[in-house]
Protein backbone atom coordinates (compact mmCIF):
# COMPACT_ATOMS: atom_id res chain seq x y z
CA MET A 1 -6.59 -14.24 -31.51
CA LYS A 2 -9.39 -13.44 -29.02
CA LEU A 3 -8.83 -12.78 -25.34
CA PHE A 4 -10.40 -15.41 -23.09
CA ASP A 5 -13.57 -13.66 -21.94
CA VAL A 6 -13.71 -14.20 -18.17
CA TYR A 7 -13.82 -10.63 -16.79
CA GLN A 8 -16.68 -8.20 -16.29
CA ILE A 9 -15.17 -5.11 -17.91
CA ASN A 10 -16.17 -1.46 -17.72
CA ASP A 11 -15.88 0.17 -21.13
CA ILE A 12 -13.08 2.48 -19.94
CA THR A 13 -9.44 2.50 -21.02
CA ILE A 14 -7.11 3.94 -18.38
CA VAL A 15 -3.94 5.41 -19.87
CA LYS A 16 -2.52 7.53 -17.04
CA ALA A 17 -2.48 7.45 -13.24
CA GLN A 18 -1.14 9.64 -10.46
CA GLY A 19 -1.82 9.46 -6.75
CA SER A 20 -5.53 8.74 -6.26
CA TYR A 21 -6.57 9.76 -9.77
CA VAL A 22 -6.57 7.96 -13.12
CA TRP A 23 -7.35 9.28 -16.61
CA ASP A 24 -8.89 7.55 -19.60
CA GLU A 25 -7.92 7.81 -23.27
CA ASN A 26 -10.22 10.82 -23.66
CA GLY A 27 -8.56 12.73 -20.82
CA VAL A 28 -11.44 12.16 -18.39
CA GLN A 29 -10.28 12.12 -14.75
CA TYR A 30 -11.53 9.51 -12.26
CA LEU A 31 -11.15 9.32 -8.50
CA ASP A 32 -9.89 5.87 -7.55
CA MET A 33 -11.53 4.69 -4.33
CA TYR A 34 -10.76 1.04 -5.07
CA GLY A 35 -7.08 0.93 -5.95
CA GLY A 36 -7.42 -1.96 -8.38
CA HIS A 37 -8.53 -4.50 -5.73
CA ALA A 38 -6.56 -2.82 -2.89
CA VAL A 39 -3.30 -3.06 -4.83
CA ILE A 40 -2.43 0.65 -4.90
CA SER A 41 -1.06 1.26 -1.42
CA ILE A 42 1.14 4.38 -1.77
CA GLY A 43 -0.63 6.01 -4.74
CA HIS A 44 -0.39 5.44 -8.48
CA THR A 45 3.08 6.02 -9.99
CA HIS A 46 4.55 7.40 -6.77
CA PRO A 47 7.80 9.20 -7.78
CA HIS A 48 9.99 7.22 -5.35
CA TRP A 49 8.48 3.92 -6.54
CA VAL A 50 9.10 4.83 -10.18
CA GLU A 51 12.65 5.93 -9.39
CA ARG A 52 13.45 2.74 -7.50
CA ILE A 53 12.22 0.53 -10.36
CA GLU A 54 13.96 2.61 -13.05
CA GLU A 55 17.22 2.56 -11.13
CA GLN A 56 17.06 -1.22 -10.74
CA LEU A 57 16.04 -1.71 -14.38
CA HIS A 58 19.25 -0.06 -15.53
CA LYS A 59 21.26 -2.54 -13.41
CA ILE A 60 19.55 -5.93 -13.74
CA ALA A 61 15.85 -6.77 -14.02
CA PHE A 62 15.96 -10.50 -13.40
CA TYR A 63 18.03 -13.47 -12.56
CA SER A 64 16.81 -16.64 -10.90
CA ASN A 65 17.13 -17.68 -7.27
CA SER A 66 20.16 -19.79 -8.22
CA VAL A 67 22.39 -16.80 -7.42
CA ARG A 68 22.71 -14.46 -4.47
CA ILE A 69 20.27 -11.52 -4.72
CA PRO A 70 21.24 -8.98 -2.01
CA ILE A 71 18.15 -6.80 -2.55
CA GLN A 72 16.05 -9.67 -1.15
CA GLN A 73 17.82 -9.36 2.19
CA GLU A 74 17.47 -5.58 2.02
CA LEU A 75 13.73 -6.05 1.59
CA ALA A 76 13.55 -8.56 4.46
CA ASP A 77 15.38 -6.17 6.79
CA LYS A 78 13.10 -3.25 5.95
CA LEU A 79 10.00 -5.43 6.26
CA GLU A 80 11.03 -6.51 9.76
CA VAL A 81 11.34 -2.86 10.81
CA VAL A 82 8.09 -1.59 9.29
CA SER A 83 5.94 -4.62 10.16
CA GLY A 84 7.40 -5.04 13.65
CA LYS A 85 7.59 -8.82 13.18
CA LYS A 86 10.96 -9.71 14.66
CA ASN A 87 12.78 -12.96 13.91
CA TYR A 88 10.35 -14.08 11.19
CA GLN A 89 11.69 -15.49 7.91
CA LEU A 90 10.69 -14.27 4.45
CA PHE A 91 9.85 -16.36 1.38
CA LEU A 92 9.12 -14.32 -1.75
CA CYS A 93 6.72 -15.32 -4.51
CA ASN A 94 4.44 -13.62 -7.04
CA SER A 95 0.75 -13.47 -6.02
CA GLY A 96 -1.61 -13.78 -3.11
CA ALA A 97 -2.86 -17.18 -4.24
CA GLU A 98 0.72 -18.42 -4.50
CA ALA A 99 1.49 -17.04 -1.04
CA ASN A 100 -1.50 -18.84 0.49
CA GLU A 101 -0.69 -22.03 -1.42
CA ASN A 102 2.87 -22.02 -0.06
CA ALA A 103 1.69 -21.19 3.46
CA MET A 104 -0.61 -24.21 3.61
CA LYS A 105 2.03 -26.43 2.05
CA LEU A 106 4.62 -25.26 4.57
CA ALA A 107 2.21 -25.90 7.44
CA SER A 108 1.67 -29.46 6.23
CA PHE A 109 5.41 -30.03 5.89
CA HIS A 110 5.83 -28.70 9.43
CA ASN A 111 3.33 -30.91 11.28
CA GLY A 112 2.71 -33.73 8.81
CA LYS A 113 -1.07 -33.21 8.87
CA LYS A 114 -3.51 -32.66 6.00
CA LYS A 115 -6.72 -30.90 6.98
CA VAL A 116 -7.20 -27.13 6.67
CA VAL A 117 -9.89 -25.10 8.43
CA ALA A 118 -11.35 -22.20 6.41
CA PHE A 119 -14.42 -20.04 6.89
CA SER A 120 -17.68 -19.02 5.26
CA LYS A 121 -17.35 -16.12 2.77
CA SER A 122 -13.58 -16.57 2.65
CA PHE A 123 -11.50 -15.80 -0.43
CA HIS A 124 -7.90 -17.03 -0.62
CA GLY A 125 -7.13 -17.22 -4.34
CA ARG A 126 -7.65 -19.28 -7.47
CA THR A 127 -4.78 -21.77 -7.52
CA SER A 128 -5.52 -25.37 -6.55
CA LEU A 129 -5.40 -25.39 -2.75
CA ALA A 130 -6.11 -21.67 -2.40
CA VAL A 131 -9.38 -22.03 -4.30
CA ALA A 132 -10.24 -25.18 -2.33
CA VAL A 133 -10.28 -23.08 0.87
CA THR A 134 -12.27 -20.29 -0.84
CA ASP A 135 -15.99 -20.32 -0.09
CA ASN A 136 -17.25 -20.01 -3.66
CA PRO A 137 -18.28 -23.23 -5.44
CA ALA A 138 -18.65 -21.34 -8.75
CA ILE A 139 -14.87 -21.00 -9.12
CA LEU A 140 -13.99 -24.46 -7.79
CA ALA A 141 -13.25 -26.89 -10.63
CA PRO A 142 -13.73 -30.62 -9.96
CA VAL A 143 -9.96 -31.12 -10.03
CA ASN A 144 -9.63 -28.65 -7.13
CA GLU A 145 -12.04 -30.50 -4.85
CA THR A 146 -10.49 -32.10 -1.77
CA PRO A 147 -11.85 -33.74 1.38
CA ASN A 148 -9.09 -32.04 3.38
CA VAL A 149 -10.87 -28.68 3.78
CA ILE A 150 -13.31 -28.01 6.61
CA PHE A 151 -15.49 -24.88 6.27
CA LEU A 152 -16.80 -23.30 9.46
CA PRO A 153 -18.98 -20.23 10.10
CA PHE A 154 -16.92 -17.05 10.41
CA ASN A 155 -16.58 -15.60 13.91
CA ASN A 156 -18.19 -18.66 15.52
CA GLU A 157 -15.95 -19.69 18.42
CA GLN A 158 -18.12 -22.64 19.46
CA ALA A 159 -18.05 -24.18 15.99
CA LEU A 160 -14.27 -23.80 15.98
CA GLU A 161 -13.91 -25.48 19.37
CA ASP A 162 -16.21 -28.33 18.32
CA CYS A 163 -14.26 -28.85 15.11
CA PHE A 164 -10.92 -29.07 16.89
CA ARG A 165 -12.35 -31.38 19.53
CA GLU A 166 -13.44 -33.76 16.77
CA ASN A 167 -10.63 -33.32 14.21
CA GLY A 168 -7.79 -31.61 16.07
CA ASN A 169 -5.23 -34.35 15.53
CA GLU A 170 -5.76 -34.10 11.76
CA ILE A 171 -5.86 -30.30 11.39
CA SER A 172 -2.70 -28.92 9.83
CA SER A 173 -3.66 -25.26 9.66
CA VAL A 174 -6.33 -22.62 10.02
CA ILE A 175 -6.37 -19.92 7.34
CA VAL A 176 -8.26 -16.74 8.13
CA GLU A 177 -8.53 -13.16 6.84
CA GLY A 178 -8.41 -10.54 9.58
CA ILE A 179 -11.01 -8.69 7.52
CA GLN A 180 -12.73 -10.55 4.70
CA GLY A 181 -12.52 -8.47 1.54
CA VAL A 182 -14.30 -10.30 -1.27
CA GLY A 183 -16.66 -11.70 1.37
CA GLY A 184 -17.98 -8.20 2.08
CA ILE A 185 -15.71 -6.43 4.63
CA ASN A 186 -16.45 -8.80 7.50
CA ILE A 187 -14.22 -8.15 10.51
CA ALA A 188 -12.87 -11.05 12.55
CA THR A 189 -13.49 -10.39 16.22
CA GLU A 190 -10.59 -10.21 18.63
CA ALA A 191 -12.02 -13.13 20.61
CA PHE A 192 -12.30 -15.26 17.47
CA LEU A 193 -8.68 -14.69 16.43
CA LEU A 194 -7.47 -15.34 19.98
CA LYS A 195 -9.47 -18.59 19.99
CA ILE A 196 -7.79 -19.64 16.73
CA ARG A 197 -4.41 -18.91 18.28
CA ALA A 198 -5.18 -20.91 21.44
CA LEU A 199 -6.54 -23.95 19.56
CA CYS A 200 -3.64 -23.98 17.11
CA ASP A 201 -1.25 -23.99 20.07
CA GLN A 202 -3.18 -26.74 21.81
CA TYR A 203 -3.42 -29.05 18.79
CA ASN A 204 -0.12 -28.30 17.04
CA ALA A 205 -1.83 -26.59 14.10
CA VAL A 206 -0.54 -23.60 12.16
CA TYR A 207 -2.26 -20.20 12.29
CA ILE A 208 -2.11 -18.67 8.78
CA ALA A 209 -3.05 -14.98 8.68
CA ASP A 210 -4.20 -14.24 5.13
CA SER A 211 -3.15 -10.60 4.88
CA VAL A 212 -3.16 -10.39 1.09
CA GLN A 213 -5.84 -7.70 1.02
CA CYS A 214 -6.11 -6.65 4.67
CA GLY A 215 -2.36 -6.30 5.30
CA TYR A 216 0.39 -3.83 4.52
CA GLY A 217 -1.00 -1.01 6.63
CA ARG A 218 -4.44 -0.88 5.04
CA THR A 219 -6.34 -1.23 8.32
CA GLY A 220 -4.26 1.18 10.37
CA SER A 221 -1.98 -1.60 11.63
CA PHE A 222 0.57 -3.37 9.48
CA PHE A 223 -1.46 -6.59 9.63
CA SER A 224 -5.18 -6.54 10.45
CA HIS A 225 -4.57 -9.44 12.86
CA ASP A 226 -2.47 -7.04 14.95
CA HIS A 227 -5.69 -5.39 16.14
CA ALA A 228 -6.30 -8.55 18.20
CA ASN A 229 -2.75 -8.49 19.64
CA VAL A 230 -2.14 -11.95 18.24
CA ASN A 231 0.90 -13.28 16.39
CA ALA A 232 0.24 -15.70 13.56
CA ASP A 233 2.65 -18.48 12.57
CA ILE A 234 2.58 -17.45 8.90
CA TYR A 235 1.46 -14.16 7.33
CA THR A 236 0.67 -14.06 3.62
CA MET A 237 1.14 -10.80 1.68
CA ALA A 238 0.63 -9.52 -1.87
CA LYS A 239 -1.59 -6.76 -3.38
CA GLY A 240 -0.35 -3.58 -1.64
CA MET A 241 3.14 -5.05 -1.27
CA GLY A 242 4.23 -3.87 -4.72
CA ASN A 243 1.81 -0.98 -5.43
CA GLY A 244 0.97 -2.60 -8.77
CA PHE A 245 4.15 -4.55 -9.41
CA PRO A 246 3.50 -8.31 -8.99
CA VAL A 247 5.18 -9.38 -5.77
CA ALA A 248 4.09 -11.47 -2.80
CA GLY A 249 5.54 -13.23 0.17
CA ILE A 250 5.03 -15.14 3.37
CA LEU A 251 6.43 -14.25 6.78
CA ILE A 252 7.33 -17.46 8.58
CA ALA A 253 7.80 -17.81 12.35
CA PRO A 254 11.20 -19.02 13.59
CA GLN A 255 10.01 -22.51 14.61
CA PHE A 256 9.68 -23.44 10.92
CA LYS A 257 12.95 -24.90 9.67
CA PRO A 258 13.71 -24.60 5.95
CA ARG A 259 15.29 -27.28 3.83
CA GLN A 260 16.52 -26.86 0.29
CA GLY A 261 13.86 -27.59 -2.31
CA MET A 262 10.98 -27.34 0.17
CA LEU A 263 9.55 -24.26 -1.61
CA GLY A 264 10.53 -22.66 -4.89
CA THR A 265 9.63 -20.13 -7.55
CA THR A 266 11.09 -18.85 -10.81
CA PHE A 267 10.09 -15.19 -10.64
CA GLY A 268 9.54 -14.71 -6.92
CA GLY A 269 11.95 -12.25 -5.33
CA ASN A 270 13.34 -11.01 -8.63
CA HIS A 271 15.33 -7.79 -8.64
CA LEU A 272 12.57 -5.55 -10.00
CA ALA A 273 9.92 -6.96 -7.67
CA CYS A 274 12.15 -6.36 -4.66
CA ALA A 275 12.90 -2.81 -5.80
CA ALA A 276 9.17 -2.08 -6.07
CA ALA A 277 8.44 -3.68 -2.68
CA LEU A 278 11.29 -1.77 -1.02
CA ALA A 279 9.97 1.49 -2.42
CA VAL A 280 6.54 0.76 -0.96
CA LEU A 281 7.95 0.15 2.53
CA GLU A 282 10.18 3.21 2.32
CA VAL A 283 7.23 5.43 1.38
CA ILE A 284 4.96 3.88 4.03
CA GLU A 285 7.62 4.60 6.64
CA LYS A 286 8.63 8.08 5.46
CA GLU A 287 5.08 9.36 4.87
CA ASN A 288 3.62 7.66 7.98
CA LEU A 289 0.93 6.07 5.83
CA ILE A 290 -0.23 3.45 8.33
CA GLU A 291 -1.25 6.14 10.80
CA GLN A 292 -2.70 8.20 7.95
CA ALA A 293 -4.79 5.22 6.84
CA ARG A 294 -6.11 4.89 10.39
CA GLN A 295 -7.04 8.57 10.63
CA ARG A 296 -8.50 8.89 7.11
CA GLY A 297 -10.48 5.72 7.70
CA MET A 298 -11.97 7.01 10.97
CA TYR A 299 -12.92 10.26 9.28
CA LEU A 300 -14.48 8.47 6.32
CA VAL A 301 -16.46 6.02 8.46
CA ASN A 302 -17.75 8.79 10.75
CA ARG A 303 -18.92 10.81 7.75
CA LEU A 304 -20.51 7.78 6.09
CA ARG A 305 -22.52 7.10 9.25
CA LYS A 306 -24.18 10.51 8.85
CA ILE A 307 -25.41 9.73 5.33
CA ASP A 308 -29.03 8.61 5.23
CA GLY A 309 -29.74 5.60 3.03
CA ILE A 310 -26.65 3.41 3.24
CA GLU A 311 -26.48 0.77 5.96
CA ASN A 312 -24.10 -1.22 8.17
CA ILE A 313 -20.98 0.88 7.66
CA ARG A 314 -17.96 -1.12 8.83
CA GLY A 315 -14.24 -1.56 8.39
CA ARG A 316 -10.87 -0.50 9.72
CA GLY A 317 -8.51 2.06 8.31
CA LEU A 318 -9.02 2.28 4.55
CA MET A 319 -10.75 -1.08 4.20
CA ILE A 320 -14.39 -0.02 4.42
CA GLY A 321 -17.71 -1.43 3.31
CA PHE A 322 -21.37 -0.54 3.53
CA ASP A 323 -24.63 -2.14 2.43
CA VAL A 324 -26.78 -0.65 -0.31
CA PRO A 325 -30.57 -1.13 -0.05
CA GLU A 326 -32.61 -2.15 -3.08
CA GLU A 327 -33.80 1.39 -3.74
CA LEU A 328 -30.15 2.43 -4.25
CA LYS A 329 -29.05 -0.67 -6.19
CA ASP A 330 -27.60 1.47 -9.02
CA LEU A 331 -25.43 3.52 -6.65
CA ARG A 332 -22.06 1.99 -7.56
CA LYS A 333 -22.82 2.14 -11.28
CA ASN A 334 -23.92 5.77 -11.01
CA LEU A 335 -20.83 6.74 -9.02
CA LEU A 336 -18.75 5.52 -11.93
CA ASN A 337 -20.89 6.77 -14.81
CA ASN A 338 -22.05 10.10 -13.37
CA GLN A 339 -19.30 11.03 -10.91
CA ASN A 340 -16.23 9.30 -12.42
CA ILE A 341 -15.45 7.42 -9.20
CA PHE A 342 -14.24 3.84 -9.04
CA THR A 343 -15.46 1.75 -6.09
CA GLY A 344 -15.54 -1.98 -5.44
CA GLU A 345 -18.34 -4.36 -4.63
CA ALA A 346 -19.12 -7.61 -2.86
CA LYS A 347 -22.22 -9.60 -3.72
CA PRO A 348 -25.04 -9.09 -3.26
CA ASN A 349 -25.23 -5.45 -2.14
CA VAL A 350 -21.95 -4.20 -0.64
CA ILE A 351 -19.84 -1.28 -1.85
CA ARG A 352 -16.18 -1.67 -0.89
CA LEU A 353 -13.75 1.24 -0.47
CA LEU A 354 -10.03 0.42 -0.75
CA PRO A 355 -8.27 3.63 -1.79
CA SER A 356 -4.57 4.42 -1.60
CA LEU A 357 -3.28 4.85 1.93
CA ALA A 358 -2.03 8.25 0.77
CA ILE A 359 -5.47 9.57 -0.21
CA SER A 360 -5.98 13.16 0.93
CA LYS A 361 -8.81 14.47 3.13
CA LYS A 362 -9.87 16.68 0.20
CA GLN A 363 -10.24 13.59 -2.01
CA VAL A 364 -12.23 11.81 0.70
CA ASP A 365 -14.55 14.82 0.87
CA GLU A 366 -14.83 14.77 -2.93
CA PHE A 367 -16.05 11.18 -2.73
CA LEU A 368 -18.49 11.90 0.11
CA GLU A 369 -20.04 14.83 -1.75
CA ALA A 370 -20.49 12.74 -4.89
CA LEU A 371 -21.93 9.85 -2.89
CA GLN A 372 -24.53 12.10 -1.25
CA GLU A 373 -25.45 13.58 -4.63
CA GLU A 374 -26.03 10.18 -6.21
CA ILE A 375 -28.04 8.92 -3.23
CA ASP A 376 -30.26 12.02 -3.42
CA GLN A 377 -30.73 11.53 -7.18
CA LEU A 378 -31.73 7.89 -6.77
CA LYS A 379 -34.12 8.68 -3.93
CA ASN A 380 -35.75 11.48 -5.89
CA ALA A 381 -36.10 9.26 -8.94
CA GLY A 382 -37.70 6.59 -6.77
CA GLU A 383 -40.15 9.03 -5.21
CA THR A 384 -41.07 10.41 -8.63
CA GLY A 385 -41.60 6.89 -9.94
CA ASN A 386 -43.81 6.01 -6.99
CA ALA A 387 -45.87 9.19 -7.45
CA VAL A 388 -46.37 8.47 -11.18
CA GLY A 389 -47.34 4.89 -10.35
CA LYS A 390 -49.96 6.05 -7.86
CA GLU A 391 -51.39 8.54 -10.39
CA GLN A 392 -51.69 5.79 -12.99
CA VAL A 393 -53.47 3.49 -10.53
CA ALA A 394 -55.83 6.32 -9.55
CA SER A 395 -56.72 7.14 -13.17
CA GLU A 396 -57.27 3.45 -14.01
CA THR A 397 -59.63 2.95 -11.08
CA ALA A 398 -61.51 6.24 -11.55
């Protein structure tokens, strides 16, 4: 049987991982500056994370939500402390798309309205409603199309005000990433997020903070929306929540009243997932990783701004992007092939950096040195090519 061929795959087989490094089947070491789409929050195979999962595995790995699962409450209590979100409620599920799907469904249950406001360059997942609010027609199947989604330009307060003035009584929710990841590390302004909050309050709409990639301490605050000093009605979480173990959830403000059967999941909140998620929070708290992410990110951005050739360096904490000009278009490929460094991308020309929050300053310097080397190589190759081209033109016209 063949695997369904939908992924662009590097011809590398990773067999071992530790901290911010991974190794392939030939023993070659790679520096991981991407964390598998921002999933690795506390470092690959962190000893406490492994221990927590192993300990739980010897007790019980899974039973459904038809019985009491005390570790779910343990996770909720720890999440309240580390996130600082008091009096919120927790619903556990399995993936970021599922979290966003449930958030929009819950919003619609809450206010009885249908329309959802989303933004240009957004990415919210690949399930039915999540993909409908994702700004990428290439991954939207006809069955996912709905007239209930309104796309607006990102960071445009006037467009948002105009939309609510015209459709406010029909708008159920606004879903927004504090920093767009797949869209290219685009940061929502404080004024824009505050405007969303004010309009949602005015029109009885629900503010959904998609924190799947930009949450869990990655930006130097627990949620990237916290930088604007705004509280959302629902926060969605996944990726870094389990450090590689599939787990997700939504934090739900106290005004939302649950009823039995409203939401549901088979695997969400299972014993192993909760053990993994607890370990992540315990390590984040003990190792002060949110503050470390803030400091490492500032250091990395400041150093990147001194490198000639790359453009528009932006981000918060360890969610960083920069633009690559045409003359350096092979930079990401060369970092992997020549320097053994994984980075991410966003089309058409953005390199994304999403390393573990526990990455060391030495490893950051290792990346910066390799980046400078590859930029110099590409520039030199370009200058040589231009010189050869000019010589050929001169000889042909002589």
